Amino acid sequence: MPIPGTRSPRRIQENTGAADLTLTDTEIEAIDEILPRGCFGARYTKGHVPVWI
């Protein structure tokens, strides 16, 4: 799915190509260590942070 605001065909190809990407368990663990749970940002106040299962 293209990201809203994508302006170039090249970026649309990159975005849709991500659907074919498969991460290994090791890669997922590395992402979990780096990113906060749920990948939220400062726009969410406490109690409104999305939860990803």
PDB file of N, CA and C in Angstrom:
ATOM      1  N   MET A   1       0.845  -1.167   0.000  1.00  0.00           N
ATOM      2  CA  MET A   1       0.000   0.000   0.000  1.00  0.00           C
ATOM      3  C   MET A   1       0.894   1.234   0.000  1.00  0.00           C
ATOM      4  N   PRO A   2       0.703   2.109  -0.963  1.00  0.00           N
ATOM      5  CA  PRO A   2       1.496   3.338  -1.001  1.00  0.00           C
ATOM      6  C   PRO A   2       1.223   4.199   0.224  1.00  0.00           C
ATOM      7  N   ILE A   3       2.226   4.885   0.639  1.00  0.00           N
ATOM      8  CA  ILE A   3       2.083   5.808   1.759  1.00  0.00           C
ATOM      9  C   ILE A   3       1.429   7.085   1.239  1.00  0.00           C
ATOM     10  N   PRO A   4       0.382   7.589   1.897  1.00  0.00           N
ATOM     11  CA  PRO A   4      -0.256   8.822   1.439  1.00  0.00           C
ATOM     12  C   PRO A   4       0.767   9.933   1.279  1.00  0.00           C
ATOM     13  N   GLY A   5       0.668  10.653   0.192  1.00  0.00           N
ATOM     14  CA  GLY A   5       1.598  11.742  -0.074  1.00  0.00           C
ATOM     15  C   GLY A   5       2.763  11.321  -0.945  1.00  0.00           C
ATOM     16  N   THR A   6       2.853  10.043  -1.276  1.00  0.00           N
ATOM     17  CA  THR A   6       3.920   9.585  -2.168  1.00  0.00           C
ATOM     18  C   THR A   6       3.750  10.262  -3.513  1.00  0.00           C
ATOM     19  N   ARG A   7       4.839  10.825  -4.023  1.00  0.00           N
ATOM     20  CA  ARG A   7       4.738  11.606  -5.256  1.00  0.00           C
ATOM     21  C   ARG A   7       5.405  10.956  -6.455  1.00  0.00           C
ATOM     22  N   SER A   8       6.282  10.012  -6.239  1.00  0.00           N
ATOM     23  CA  SER A   8       6.986   9.467  -7.397  1.00  0.00           C
ATOM     24  C   SER A   8       6.679   7.985  -7.586  1.00  0.00           C
ATOM     25  N   PRO A   9       6.629   7.541  -8.828  1.00  0.00           N
ATOM     26  CA  PRO A   9       6.401   6.120  -9.105  1.00  0.00           C
ATOM     27  C   PRO A   9       7.457   5.221  -8.448  1.00  0.00           C
ATOM     28  N   ARG A  10       8.688   5.705  -8.373  1.00  0.00           N
ATOM     29  CA  ARG A  10       9.754   4.919  -7.750  1.00  0.00           C
ATOM     30  C   ARG A  10       9.443   4.637  -6.278  1.00  0.00           C
ATOM     31  N   ARG A  11       8.971   5.641  -5.562  1.00  0.00           N
ATOM     32  CA  ARG A  11       8.633   5.456  -4.150  1.00  0.00           C
ATOM     33  C   ARG A  11       7.428   4.538  -3.977  1.00  0.00           C
ATOM     34  N   ILE A  12       6.474   4.625  -4.890  1.00  0.00           N
ATOM     35  CA  ILE A  12       5.321   3.724  -4.836  1.00  0.00           C
ATOM     36  C   ILE A  12       5.790   2.279  -5.009  1.00  0.00           C
ATOM     37  N   GLN A  13       6.732   2.049  -5.915  1.00  0.00           N
ATOM     38  CA  GLN A  13       7.289   0.702  -6.100  1.00  0.00           C
ATOM     39  C   GLN A  13       7.973   0.222  -4.824  1.00  0.00           C
ATOM     40  N   GLU A  14       8.728   1.103  -4.180  1.00  0.00           N
ATOM     41  CA  GLU A  14       9.385   0.739  -2.920  1.00  0.00           C
ATOM     42  C   GLU A  14       8.351   0.371  -1.858  1.00  0.00           C
ATOM     43  N   ASN A  15       7.322   1.190  -1.750  1.00  0.00           N
ATOM     44  CA  ASN A  15       6.299   0.955  -0.736  1.00  0.00           C
ATOM     45  C   ASN A  15       5.571  -0.362  -0.961  1.00  0.00           C
ATOM     46  N   THR A  16       5.168  -0.635  -2.179  1.00  0.00           N
ATOM     47  CA  THR A  16       4.442  -1.868  -2.458  1.00  0.00           C
ATOM     48  C   THR A  16       5.367  -3.078  -2.386  1.00  0.00           C
ATOM     49  N   GLY A  17       6.638  -2.902  -2.687  1.00  0.00           N
ATOM     50  CA  GLY A  17       7.602  -3.997  -2.588  1.00  0.00           C
ATOM     51  C   GLY A  17       7.791  -4.470  -1.162  1.00  0.00           C
ATOM     52  N   ALA A  18       7.525  -3.616  -0.208  1.00  0.00           N
ATOM     53  CA  ALA A  18       7.670  -3.986   1.200  1.00  0.00           C
ATOM     54  C   ALA A  18       6.692  -5.088   1.593  1.00  0.00           C
ATOM     55  N   ALA A  19       5.609  -5.234   0.859  1.00  0.00           N
ATOM     56  CA  ALA A  19       4.629  -6.283   1.163  1.00  0.00           C
ATOM     57  C   ALA A  19       5.216  -7.677   0.948  1.00  0.00           C
ATOM     58  N   ASP A  20       6.245  -7.764   0.126  1.00  0.00           N
ATOM     59  CA  ASP A  20       6.888  -9.055  -0.156  1.00  0.00           C
ATOM     60  C   ASP A  20       8.040  -9.357   0.793  1.00  0.00           C
ATOM     61  N   LEU A  21       8.335  -8.443   1.683  1.00  0.00           N
ATOM     62  CA  LEU A  21       9.450  -8.598   2.605  1.00  0.00           C
ATOM     63  C   LEU A  21       9.062  -9.504   3.768  1.00  0.00           C
ATOM     64  N   THR A  22       9.931 -10.448   4.080  1.00  0.00           N
ATOM     65  CA  THR A  22       9.724 -11.326   5.230  1.00  0.00           C
ATOM     66  C   THR A  22      10.907 -11.156   6.173  1.00  0.00           C
ATOM     67  N   LEU A  23      10.619 -10.758   7.406  1.00  0.00           N
ATOM     68  CA  LEU A  23      11.677 -10.560   8.397  1.00  0.00           C
ATOM     69  C   LEU A  23      11.929 -11.861   9.154  1.00  0.00           C
ATOM     70  N   THR A  24      13.184 -12.080   9.493  1.00  0.00           N
ATOM     71  CA  THR A  24      13.540 -13.246  10.294  1.00  0.00           C
ATOM     72  C   THR A  24      13.227 -12.949  11.760  1.00  0.00           C
ATOM     73  N   ASP A  25      13.206 -13.991  12.569  1.00  0.00           N
ATOM     74  CA  ASP A  25      12.982 -13.797  14.007  1.00  0.00           C
ATOM     75  C   ASP A  25      14.058 -12.903  14.608  1.00  0.00           C
ATOM     76  N   THR A  26      15.281 -13.051  14.147  1.00  0.00           N
ATOM     77  CA  THR A  26      16.395 -12.238  14.647  1.00  0.00           C
ATOM     78  C   THR A  26      16.188 -10.769  14.300  1.00  0.00           C
ATOM     79  N   GLU A  27      15.719 -10.490  13.089  1.00  0.00           N
ATOM     80  CA  GLU A  27      15.469  -9.107  12.686  1.00  0.00           C
ATOM     81  C   GLU A  27      14.327  -8.494  13.503  1.00  0.00           C
ATOM     82  N   ILE A  28      13.297  -9.266  13.738  1.00  0.00           N
ATOM     83  CA  ILE A  28      12.168  -8.779  14.533  1.00  0.00           C
ATOM     84  C   ILE A  28      12.608  -8.497  15.966  1.00  0.00           C
ATOM     85  N   GLU A  29      13.431  -9.366  16.526  1.00  0.00           N
ATOM     86  CA  GLU A  29      13.953  -9.141  17.880  1.00  0.00           C
ATOM     87  C   GLU A  29      14.787  -7.869  17.933  1.00  0.00           C
ATOM     88  N   ALA A  30      15.598  -7.623  16.899  1.00  0.00           N
ATOM     89  CA  ALA A  30      16.430  -6.419  16.857  1.00  0.00           C
ATOM     90  C   ALA A  30      15.556  -5.171  16.791  1.00  0.00           C
ATOM     91  N   ILE A  31      14.498  -5.221  16.005  1.00  0.00           N
ATOM     92  CA  ILE A  31      13.575  -4.089  15.908  1.00  0.00           C
ATOM     93  C   ILE A  31      12.899  -3.851  17.253  1.00  0.00           C
ATOM     94  N   ASP A  32      12.473  -4.924  17.910  1.00  0.00           N
ATOM     95  CA  ASP A  32      11.837  -4.793  19.224  1.00  0.00           C
ATOM     96  C   ASP A  32      12.763  -4.147  20.247  1.00  0.00           C
ATOM     97  N   GLU A  33      14.058  -4.409  20.141  1.00  0.00           N
ATOM     98  CA  GLU A  33      15.024  -3.815  21.075  1.00  0.00           C
ATOM     99  C   GLU A  33      15.221  -2.323  20.808  1.00  0.00           C
ATOM    100  N   ILE A  34      15.144  -1.923  19.542  1.00  0.00           N
ATOM    101  CA  ILE A  34      15.423  -0.544  19.150  1.00  0.00           C
ATOM    102  C   ILE A  34      14.213   0.362  19.332  1.00  0.00           C
ATOM    103  N   LEU A  35      13.039  -0.102  18.929  1.00  0.00           N
ATOM    104  CA  LEU A  35      11.850   0.734  18.935  1.00  0.00           C
ATOM    105  C   LEU A  35      11.018   0.540  20.192  1.00  0.00           C
ATOM    106  N   PRO A  36      10.379   1.595  20.635  1.00  0.00           N
ATOM    107  CA  PRO A  36       9.466   1.441  21.763  1.00  0.00           C
ATOM    108  C   PRO A  36       8.294   0.557  21.347  1.00  0.00           C
ATOM    109  N   ARG A  37       7.745  -0.146  22.272  1.00  0.00           N
ATOM    110  CA  ARG A  37       6.630  -1.047  21.978  1.00  0.00           C
ATOM    111  C   ARG A  37       5.489  -0.258  21.359  1.00  0.00           C
ATOM    112  N   GLY A  38       5.036  -0.671  20.186  1.00  0.00           N
ATOM    113  CA  GLY A  38       3.943   0.003  19.514  1.00  0.00           C
ATOM    114  C   GLY A  38       4.380   1.098  18.556  1.00  0.00           C
ATOM    115  N   CYS A  39       5.645   1.430  18.539  1.00  0.00           N
ATOM    116  CA  CYS A  39       6.193   2.435  17.612  1.00  0.00           C
ATOM    117  C   CYS A  39       5.427   3.752  17.680  1.00  0.00           C
ATOM    118  N   PHE A  40       5.140   4.206  18.871  1.00  0.00           N
ATOM    119  CA  PHE A  40       4.384   5.436  19.026  1.00  0.00           C
ATOM    120  C   PHE A  40       5.313   6.635  19.099  1.00  0.00           C
ATOM    121  N   GLY A  41       4.747   7.788  18.906  1.00  0.00           N
ATOM    122  CA  GLY A  41       5.518   9.018  18.984  1.00  0.00           C
ATOM    123  C   GLY A  41       4.920   9.967  19.995  1.00  0.00           C
ATOM    124  N   ALA A  42       5.438  11.160  20.046  1.00  0.00           N
ATOM    125  CA  ALA A  42       5.025  12.153  21.026  1.00  0.00           C
ATOM    126  C   ALA A  42       3.599  12.651  20.792  1.00  0.00           C
ATOM    127  N   ARG A  43       3.004  12.331  19.666  1.00  0.00           N
ATOM    128  CA  ARG A  43       1.654  12.825  19.400  1.00  0.00           C
ATOM    129  C   ARG A  43       0.597  12.137  20.250  1.00  0.00           C
ATOM    130  N   TYR A  44       0.954  10.994  20.867  1.00  0.00           N
ATOM    131  CA  TYR A  44       0.005  10.270  21.703  1.00  0.00           C
ATOM    132  C   TYR A  44       0.232  10.607  23.171  1.00  0.00           C
ATOM    133  N   THR A  45      -0.832  10.938  23.867  1.00  0.00           N
ATOM    134  CA  THR A  45      -0.731  11.187  25.289  1.00  0.00           C
ATOM    135  C   THR A  45      -0.862   9.867  26.044  1.00  0.00           C
ATOM    136  N   LYS A  46      -0.438   9.875  27.275  1.00  0.00           N
ATOM    137  CA  LYS A  46      -0.512   8.667  28.085  1.00  0.00           C
ATOM    138  C   LYS A  46      -1.957   8.156  28.113  1.00  0.00           C
ATOM    139  N   GLY A  47      -2.115   6.868  27.916  1.00  0.00           N
ATOM    140  CA  GLY A  47      -3.440   6.266  27.890  1.00  0.00           C
ATOM    141  C   GLY A  47      -4.035   6.173  26.497  1.00  0.00           C
ATOM    142  N   HIS A  48      -3.384   6.835  25.525  1.00  0.00           N
ATOM    143  CA  HIS A  48      -3.866   6.805  24.143  1.00  0.00           C
ATOM    144  C   HIS A  48      -2.840   6.197  23.191  1.00  0.00           C
ATOM    145  N   VAL A  49      -1.850   5.539  23.737  1.00  0.00           N
ATOM    146  CA  VAL A  49      -0.799   4.927  22.932  1.00  0.00           C
ATOM    147  C   VAL A  49      -1.351   3.642  22.307  1.00  0.00           C
ATOM    148  N   PRO A  50      -1.185   3.471  20.988  1.00  0.00           N
ATOM    149  CA  PRO A  50      -1.687   2.261  20.348  1.00  0.00           C
ATOM    150  C   PRO A  50      -0.927   1.035  20.829  1.00  0.00           C
ATOM    151  N   VAL A  51      -1.598  -0.079  20.867  1.00  0.00           N
ATOM    152  CA  VAL A  51      -0.985  -1.345  21.274  1.00  0.00           C
ATOM    153  C   VAL A  51      -1.008  -2.274  20.085  1.00  0.00           C
ATOM    154  N   TRP A  52       0.152  -2.753  19.690  1.00  0.00           N
ATOM    155  CA  TRP A  52       0.262  -3.679  18.556  1.00  0.00           C
ATOM    156  C   TRP A  52       0.465  -5.071  19.095  1.00  0.00           C
ATOM    157  N   ILE A  53      -0.315  -5.969  18.635  1.00  0.00           N
ATOM    158  CA  ILE A  53      -0.209  -7.357  19.114  1.00  0.00           C
ATOM    159  C   ILE A  53       0.536  -8.176  18.106  1.00  0.00           C
TER     160      ILE A  53
END
